[in-house]
Amino acid sequence: MKILVVFLALLFAAPSSVYEFKLKSIDGKDFSLKKYKGKKVLIVNTASKCGYTPQYTELQKLSDTYKDKLVVVGFPANNFGGQEPGTNEDIKTFCHDNFNVTFPMSGKVSVKGLDIDPLFQYLTTAENPDFTGEIKWNFEKFLIDENGKLIHRFRSKVTPMSAEITKYL
């Protein structure tokens, strides 16, 4: 009986870091954030037809400027006003052609609601000094430390190159 209880506790235990999630790239390949262990990671829910879409320019600049200690990862989502209606291929082409995006992008996910991606379920409930709860709009940002733990969360209006983010890099 004790073994069964321990097994069930391990099976249903809350994840301890972002490294525990299995993800799909925008190209449909399996990937894990574990490959970025030792660097900070900025996770951003993105959309191609949003007023904040120009933030792709600063996300790329942030990625280039801090490439030795930070990885930016975009997660396209269509949860807000249908602002990411395209396929993964459409999104990839849009990001490349309009913003020269070279940082990693996941396949399209849901960041809220009944079909929320498990990574975003974790991120929106994980303890951090800022706030928890549902994502309010596109381009919210989650700063992960070198060990896969959420250390800061930023709303959409905080731009990627702002001191609010770069002071942690």
C-alpha atoms as a PDB file:
ATOM      1  CA  MET A   1       0.000   0.000   0.000  1.00  0.00           C
ATOM      2  CA  LYS A   2       2.820   2.431   0.853  1.00  0.00           C
ATOM      3  CA  ILE A   3       4.425   1.801  -2.518  1.00  0.00           C
ATOM      4  CA  LEU A   4       1.146   2.566  -4.289  1.00  0.00           C
ATOM      5  CA  VAL A   5       0.758   5.861  -2.394  1.00  0.00           C
ATOM      6  CA  VAL A   6       4.338   6.897  -3.229  1.00  0.00           C
ATOM      7  CA  PHE A   7       3.824   5.927  -6.881  1.00  0.00           C
ATOM      8  CA  LEU A   8       0.597   7.949  -7.122  1.00  0.00           C
ATOM      9  CA  ALA A   9       2.211  10.931  -5.404  1.00  0.00           C
ATOM     10  CA  LEU A  10       5.059  10.872  -7.923  1.00  0.00           C
ATOM     11  CA  LEU A  11       2.655  10.387 -10.826  1.00  0.00           C
ATOM     12  CA  PHE A  12       0.499  13.377  -9.884  1.00  0.00           C
ATOM     13  CA  ALA A  13       3.172  15.599  -8.341  1.00  0.00           C
ATOM     14  CA  ALA A  14       3.321  19.143  -9.605  1.00  0.00           C
ATOM     15  CA  PRO A  15       6.229  19.800 -11.966  1.00  0.00           C
ATOM     16  CA  SER A  16       9.265  21.320 -10.303  1.00  0.00           C
ATOM     17  CA  SER A  17      10.571  23.190 -13.367  1.00  0.00           C
ATOM     18  CA  VAL A  18       9.883  23.997 -17.010  1.00  0.00           C
ATOM     19  CA  TYR A  19      12.313  21.242 -17.944  1.00  0.00           C
ATOM     20  CA  GLU A  20       9.646  18.601 -17.274  1.00  0.00           C
ATOM     21  CA  PHE A  21       7.386  19.544 -20.189  1.00  0.00           C
ATOM     22  CA  LYS A  22       7.410  17.921 -23.611  1.00  0.00           C
ATOM     23  CA  LEU A  23       6.917  20.480 -26.366  1.00  0.00           C
ATOM     24  CA  LYS A  24       6.639  20.650 -30.150  1.00  0.00           C
ATOM     25  CA  SER A  25       8.583  23.139 -32.222  1.00  0.00           C
ATOM     26  CA  ILE A  26       6.918  25.209 -34.920  1.00  0.00           C
ATOM     27  CA  ASP A  27       8.338  22.602 -37.317  1.00  0.00           C
ATOM     28  CA  GLY A  28       6.524  19.803 -35.466  1.00  0.00           C
ATOM     29  CA  LYS A  29       9.639  18.346 -33.838  1.00  0.00           C
ATOM     30  CA  ASP A  30       9.807  17.316 -30.186  1.00  0.00           C
ATOM     31  CA  PHE A  31      11.889  19.585 -27.974  1.00  0.00           C
ATOM     32  CA  SER A  32      12.469  20.367 -24.339  1.00  0.00           C
ATOM     33  CA  LEU A  33      13.462  23.544 -22.570  1.00  0.00           C
ATOM     34  CA  LYS A  34      15.973  21.360 -20.694  1.00  0.00           C
ATOM     35  CA  LYS A  35      18.453  21.979 -23.509  1.00  0.00           C
ATOM     36  CA  TYR A  36      18.674  25.589 -22.281  1.00  0.00           C
ATOM     37  CA  LYS A  37      19.630  24.642 -18.719  1.00  0.00           C
ATOM     38  CA  GLY A  38      22.285  27.072 -17.491  1.00  0.00           C
ATOM     39  CA  LYS A  39      20.700  30.028 -19.316  1.00  0.00           C
ATOM     40  CA  LYS A  40      17.704  32.145 -18.505  1.00  0.00           C
ATOM     41  CA  VAL A  41      14.683  31.598 -20.758  1.00  0.00           C
ATOM     42  CA  LEU A  42      12.062  34.194 -21.663  1.00  0.00           C
ATOM     43  CA  ILE A  43       8.811  32.463 -22.621  1.00  0.00           C
ATOM     44  CA  VAL A  44       6.378  34.671 -24.544  1.00  0.00           C
ATOM     45  CA  ASN A  45       2.886  33.894 -25.843  1.00  0.00           C
ATOM     46  CA  THR A  46       2.793  35.517 -29.267  1.00  0.00           C
ATOM     47  CA  ALA A  47       0.306  36.410 -32.008  1.00  0.00           C
ATOM     48  CA  SER A  48       0.746  37.717 -35.555  1.00  0.00           C
ATOM     49  CA  LYS A  49      -2.211  40.095 -35.712  1.00  0.00           C
ATOM     50  CA  CYS A  50      -1.998  41.850 -32.359  1.00  0.00           C
ATOM     51  CA  GLY A  51      -1.200  45.438 -31.468  1.00  0.00           C
ATOM     52  CA  TYR A  52       1.807  44.042 -29.576  1.00  0.00           C
ATOM     53  CA  THR A  53       3.090  42.069 -32.595  1.00  0.00           C
ATOM     54  CA  PRO A  54       5.841  44.669 -33.230  1.00  0.00           C
ATOM     55  CA  GLN A  55       7.424  43.365 -30.006  1.00  0.00           C
ATOM     56  CA  TYR A  56       8.878  40.599 -32.192  1.00  0.00           C
ATOM     57  CA  THR A  57      11.529  43.167 -33.207  1.00  0.00           C
ATOM     58  CA  GLU A  58      12.623  43.698 -29.597  1.00  0.00           C
ATOM     59  CA  LEU A  59      12.335  39.991 -28.789  1.00  0.00           C
ATOM     60  CA  GLN A  60      14.819  39.296 -31.573  1.00  0.00           C
ATOM     61  CA  LYS A  61      17.075  42.135 -30.373  1.00  0.00           C
ATOM     62  CA  LEU A  62      16.911  40.784 -26.811  1.00  0.00           C
ATOM     63  CA  SER A  63      17.756  37.322 -28.099  1.00  0.00           C
ATOM     64  CA  ASP A  64      20.739  38.635 -30.088  1.00  0.00           C
ATOM     65  CA  THR A  65      22.009  40.984 -27.365  1.00  0.00           C
ATOM     66  CA  TYR A  66      21.922  38.448 -24.518  1.00  0.00           C
ATOM     67  CA  LYS A  67      22.495  35.229 -26.503  1.00  0.00           C
ATOM     68  CA  ASP A  68      25.215  34.043 -24.113  1.00  0.00           C
ATOM     69  CA  LYS A  69      22.882  34.038 -21.117  1.00  0.00           C
ATOM     70  CA  LEU A  70      19.289  34.103 -22.408  1.00  0.00           C
ATOM     71  CA  VAL A  71      17.082  32.181 -24.826  1.00  0.00           C
ATOM     72  CA  VAL A  72      13.809  33.709 -26.018  1.00  0.00           C
ATOM     73  CA  VAL A  73      11.132  31.152 -26.932  1.00  0.00           C
ATOM     74  CA  GLY A  74       7.898  32.203 -28.637  1.00  0.00           C
ATOM     75  CA  PHE A  75       4.657  30.281 -28.156  1.00  0.00           C
ATOM     76  CA  PRO A  76       2.041  31.313 -30.739  1.00  0.00           C
ATOM     77  CA  ALA A  77      -1.505  31.232 -29.352  1.00  0.00           C
ATOM     78  CA  ASN A  78      -4.909  32.096 -30.767  1.00  0.00           C
ATOM     79  CA  ASN A  79      -6.658  32.708 -27.426  1.00  0.00           C
ATOM     80  CA  PHE A  80      -7.270  36.444 -27.739  1.00  0.00           C
ATOM     81  CA  GLY A  81      -9.513  37.841 -30.441  1.00  0.00           C
ATOM     82  CA  GLY A  82      -8.458  35.281 -33.071  1.00  0.00           C
ATOM     83  CA  GLN A  83      -5.157  37.136 -33.499  1.00  0.00           C
ATOM     84  CA  GLU A  84      -3.140  34.033 -34.410  1.00  0.00           C
ATOM     85  CA  PRO A  85      -5.364  32.314 -36.987  1.00  0.00           C
ATOM     86  CA  GLY A  86      -2.651  30.831 -39.199  1.00  0.00           C
ATOM     87  CA  THR A  87      -1.000  27.437 -39.332  1.00  0.00           C
ATOM     88  CA  ASN A  88       2.434  26.825 -37.845  1.00  0.00           C
ATOM     89  CA  GLU A  89       3.924  27.256 -41.333  1.00  0.00           C
ATOM     90  CA  ASP A  90       2.048  30.571 -41.789  1.00  0.00           C
ATOM     91  CA  ILE A  91       3.317  31.803 -38.416  1.00  0.00           C
ATOM     92  CA  LYS A  92       6.903  30.754 -39.108  1.00  0.00           C
ATOM     93  CA  THR A  93       6.869  32.513 -42.493  1.00  0.00           C
ATOM     94  CA  PHE A  94       5.271  35.649 -41.038  1.00  0.00           C
ATOM     95  CA  CYS A  95       7.835  35.883 -38.216  1.00  0.00           C
ATOM     96  CA  HIS A  96      10.762  35.338 -40.551  1.00  0.00           C
ATOM     97  CA  ASP A  97       9.601  37.614 -43.367  1.00  0.00           C
ATOM     98  CA  ASN A  98       8.416  40.501 -41.170  1.00  0.00           C
ATOM     99  CA  PHE A  99      10.717  40.389 -38.147  1.00  0.00           C
ATOM    100  CA  ASN A 100      13.676  38.176 -39.090  1.00  0.00           C
ATOM    101  CA  VAL A 101      12.893  35.949 -36.102  1.00  0.00           C
ATOM    102  CA  THR A 102      15.600  33.368 -35.457  1.00  0.00           C
ATOM    103  CA  PHE A 103      14.842  32.544 -31.819  1.00  0.00           C
ATOM    104  CA  PRO A 104      13.036  29.228 -31.168  1.00  0.00           C
ATOM    105  CA  MET A 105       9.285  29.058 -31.669  1.00  0.00           C
ATOM    106  CA  SER A 106       6.944  26.349 -30.488  1.00  0.00           C
ATOM    107  CA  GLY A 107       4.005  25.039 -32.392  1.00  0.00           C
ATOM    108  CA  LYS A 108       0.728  26.839 -31.739  1.00  0.00           C
ATOM    109  CA  VAL A 109      -0.607  26.250 -28.210  1.00  0.00           C
ATOM    110  CA  SER A 110      -3.487  27.339 -26.022  1.00  0.00           C
ATOM    111  CA  VAL A 111      -2.446  29.543 -23.087  1.00  0.00           C
ATOM    112  CA  LYS A 112      -5.774  29.642 -21.229  1.00  0.00           C
ATOM    113  CA  GLY A 113      -9.092  27.879 -20.959  1.00  0.00           C
ATOM    114  CA  LEU A 114     -10.007  24.217 -20.795  1.00  0.00           C
ATOM    115  CA  ASP A 115      -7.399  23.276 -23.409  1.00  0.00           C
ATOM    116  CA  ILE A 116      -4.521  25.205 -21.786  1.00  0.00           C
ATOM    117  CA  ASP A 117      -1.127  23.747 -22.582  1.00  0.00           C
ATOM    118  CA  PRO A 118       0.374  22.075 -19.473  1.00  0.00           C
ATOM    119  CA  LEU A 119       3.422  24.383 -19.584  1.00  0.00           C
ATOM    120  CA  PHE A 120       1.180  27.449 -19.354  1.00  0.00           C
ATOM    121  CA  GLN A 121      -0.934  25.843 -16.649  1.00  0.00           C
ATOM    122  CA  TYR A 122       2.299  25.528 -14.677  1.00  0.00           C
ATOM    123  CA  LEU A 123       3.530  29.049 -15.508  1.00  0.00           C
ATOM    124  CA  THR A 124       0.276  30.772 -14.564  1.00  0.00           C
ATOM    125  CA  THR A 125       0.137  29.051 -11.180  1.00  0.00           C
ATOM    126  CA  ALA A 126       3.843  28.895 -10.246  1.00  0.00           C
ATOM    127  CA  GLU A 127       4.979  31.060  -7.357  1.00  0.00           C
ATOM    128  CA  ASN A 128       6.879  34.186  -8.333  1.00  0.00           C
ATOM    129  CA  PRO A 129       7.288  37.670  -6.820  1.00  0.00           C
ATOM    130  CA  ASP A 130       5.010  39.325  -9.362  1.00  0.00           C
ATOM    131  CA  PHE A 131       1.588  37.719  -9.831  1.00  0.00           C
ATOM    132  CA  THR A 132      -0.181  34.480 -10.702  1.00  0.00           C
ATOM    133  CA  GLY A 133      -3.362  33.767 -12.594  1.00  0.00           C
ATOM    134  CA  GLU A 134      -4.677  33.649 -16.099  1.00  0.00           C
ATOM    135  CA  ILE A 135      -2.849  35.275 -18.985  1.00  0.00           C
ATOM    136  CA  LYS A 136      -4.704  38.455 -19.938  1.00  0.00           C
ATOM    137  CA  TRP A 137      -3.436  39.028 -23.498  1.00  0.00           C
ATOM    138  CA  ASN A 138      -0.815  38.206 -26.128  1.00  0.00           C
ATOM    139  CA  PHE A 139       2.873  38.868 -25.426  1.00  0.00           C
ATOM    140  CA  GLU A 140       2.888  38.148 -21.701  1.00  0.00           C
ATOM    141  CA  LYS A 141       6.374  37.147 -20.652  1.00  0.00           C
ATOM    142  CA  PHE A 142       7.725  34.597 -18.176  1.00  0.00           C
ATOM    143  CA  LEU A 143      11.382  34.809 -17.132  1.00  0.00           C
ATOM    144  CA  ILE A 144      12.831  31.454 -16.147  1.00  0.00           C
ATOM    145  CA  ASP A 145      16.109  31.110 -14.251  1.00  0.00           C
ATOM    146  CA  GLU A 146      19.067  28.892 -15.165  1.00  0.00           C
ATOM    147  CA  ASN A 147      17.505  25.970 -13.265  1.00  0.00           C
ATOM    148  CA  GLY A 148      14.086  26.065 -14.926  1.00  0.00           C
ATOM    149  CA  LYS A 149      12.187  28.003 -12.245  1.00  0.00           C
ATOM    150  CA  LEU A 150       9.881  30.951 -12.906  1.00  0.00           C
ATOM    151  CA  ILE A 151      11.458  34.047 -11.371  1.00  0.00           C
ATOM    152  CA  HIS A 152       9.460  36.916 -12.914  1.00  0.00           C
ATOM    153  CA  ARG A 153       6.339  37.498 -14.936  1.00  0.00           C
ATOM    154  CA  PHE A 154       5.520  40.533 -17.060  1.00  0.00           C
ATOM    155  CA  ARG A 155       2.295  41.709 -18.672  1.00  0.00           C
ATOM    156  CA  SER A 156       2.059  42.457 -22.398  1.00  0.00           C
ATOM    157  CA  LYS A 157       2.838  46.180 -22.164  1.00  0.00           C
ATOM    158  CA  VAL A 158       6.335  45.499 -20.765  1.00  0.00           C
ATOM    159  CA  THR A 159       8.579  45.633 -23.818  1.00  0.00           C
ATOM    160  CA  PRO A 160      11.335  43.049 -24.224  1.00  0.00           C
ATOM    161  CA  MET A 161      14.264  45.517 -24.091  1.00  0.00           C
ATOM    162  CA  SER A 162      12.858  47.481 -21.148  1.00  0.00           C
ATOM    163  CA  ALA A 163      14.877  47.816 -17.969  1.00  0.00           C
ATOM    164  CA  GLU A 164      12.082  45.899 -16.222  1.00  0.00           C
ATOM    165  CA  ILE A 165      13.370  42.783 -18.014  1.00  0.00           C
ATOM    166  CA  THR A 166      17.008  43.524 -18.833  1.00  0.00           C
ATOM    167  CA  LYS A 167      17.935  44.294 -15.217  1.00  0.00           C
ATOM    168  CA  TYR A 168      17.662  40.532 -14.570  1.00  0.00           C
ATOM    169  CA  LEU A 169      20.038  39.573 -17.383  1.00  0.00           C
END
